[in-house]
Amino acid sequence: MARWPRTVGGNLLAFVCIVIVGLVVVQSAIALSGGYVWIALGVTAVVAIPLILWRRATMNARDLAVADAPSFSEVLDRRKAREGLEP
């Protein structure tokens, strides 16, 4: 699964790639300039934006769930305590 880069250079490269792809799409739409092309672009935007927002909400919920999970040291302490209580 692709994620947004964490470094400045990676963010810059991703932004440049997005701009280049966007310009290619716009130039192709202008060159073809038919009604079907604009309808397809509109449908793509209307479908993509909610999917992106839904994915971001899902990732945020997943990150919150992981943040509340016990750490490795907590699990290790519990295991040591349980093994110490057993005969």
Protein backbone atom coordinates (compact mmCIF):
# COMPACT_ATOMS: atom_id res chain seq x y z
CA MET A 1 0.00 0.00 0.00
CA ALA A 2 1.46 3.35 -0.98
CA ARG A 3 1.82 6.06 1.62
CA TRP A 4 2.77 9.70 1.48
CA PRO A 5 6.56 10.09 1.81
CA ARG A 6 7.94 11.25 5.15
CA THR A 7 10.92 13.22 3.84
CA VAL A 8 10.97 16.65 2.23
CA GLY A 9 12.65 15.26 -0.88
CA GLY A 10 10.08 12.49 -1.15
CA ASN A 11 7.22 14.97 -0.73
CA LEU A 12 8.71 17.20 -3.41
CA LEU A 13 9.12 14.30 -5.81
CA ALA A 14 5.55 13.11 -5.18
CA PHE A 15 4.22 16.65 -5.73
CA VAL A 16 6.16 17.00 -9.00
CA CYS A 17 4.83 13.64 -10.20
CA ILE A 18 1.26 14.65 -9.33
CA VAL A 19 1.65 17.95 -11.20
CA ILE A 20 3.11 16.22 -14.28
CA VAL A 21 0.34 13.60 -14.37
CA GLY A 22 -2.27 16.33 -13.88
CA LEU A 23 -0.87 18.36 -16.77
CA VAL A 24 -0.84 15.29 -19.02
CA VAL A 25 -4.46 14.55 -18.17
CA VAL A 26 -5.54 18.15 -18.81
CA GLN A 27 -3.62 18.33 -22.10
CA SER A 28 -5.14 15.03 -23.22
CA ALA A 29 -8.61 16.26 -22.33
CA ILE A 30 -8.07 19.49 -24.26
CA ALA A 31 -6.68 17.60 -27.25
CA LEU A 32 -9.59 15.18 -27.29
CA SER A 33 -12.04 17.89 -26.11
CA GLY A 34 -15.13 15.79 -26.44
CA GLY A 35 -18.03 15.72 -24.05
CA TYR A 36 -17.27 12.14 -23.06
CA VAL A 37 -13.77 13.08 -21.93
CA TRP A 38 -15.05 15.81 -19.61
CA ILE A 39 -17.79 13.56 -18.29
CA ALA A 40 -15.23 10.82 -17.60
CA LEU A 41 -12.96 13.32 -15.79
CA GLY A 42 -15.88 14.58 -13.73
CA VAL A 43 -17.00 11.09 -12.78
CA THR A 44 -13.42 10.19 -11.87
CA ALA A 45 -13.15 13.24 -9.60
CA VAL A 46 -16.55 12.63 -8.00
CA VAL A 47 -15.62 9.00 -7.26
CA ALA A 48 -11.96 9.55 -6.29
CA ILE A 49 -12.43 12.35 -3.75
CA PRO A 50 -14.81 10.43 -1.41
CA LEU A 51 -12.63 7.33 -1.70
CA ILE A 52 -9.54 9.31 -0.71
CA LEU A 53 -11.36 10.89 2.24
CA TRP A 54 -12.70 7.49 3.33
CA ARG A 55 -9.21 5.96 3.13
CA ARG A 56 -7.75 8.78 5.22
CA ALA A 57 -10.43 8.33 7.87
CA THR A 58 -9.77 4.59 7.90
CA MET A 59 -6.01 5.10 8.27
CA ASN A 60 -6.55 7.61 11.10
CA ALA A 61 -8.84 5.15 12.92
CA ARG A 62 -6.31 2.38 12.43
CA ASP A 63 -3.51 4.59 13.78
CA LEU A 64 -5.61 5.44 16.85
CA ALA A 65 -6.32 1.76 17.46
CA VAL A 66 -2.62 0.94 17.30
CA ALA A 67 -1.76 3.88 19.57
CA ASP A 68 -3.98 2.43 22.32
CA ALA A 69 -2.45 -1.04 22.00
CA PRO A 70 -0.04 -2.16 24.73
CA SER A 71 3.66 -1.76 24.02
CA PHE A 72 6.07 -4.66 23.77
CA SER A 73 7.55 -3.92 27.18
CA GLU A 74 4.08 -3.94 28.78
CA VAL A 75 3.30 -7.32 27.24
CA LEU A 76 6.69 -8.63 28.34
CA ASP A 77 6.13 -7.40 31.91
CA ARG A 78 2.73 -9.11 32.02
CA ARG A 79 4.20 -12.35 30.71
CA LYS A 80 7.00 -12.27 33.28
CA ALA A 81 4.48 -11.59 36.05
CA ARG A 82 2.24 -14.46 34.87
CA GLU A 83 5.17 -16.87 34.64
CA GLY A 84 6.31 -15.81 38.11
CA LEU A 85 2.89 -16.66 39.57
CA GLU A 86 2.78 -20.13 38.03
CA PRO A 87 4.33 -22.96 40.08
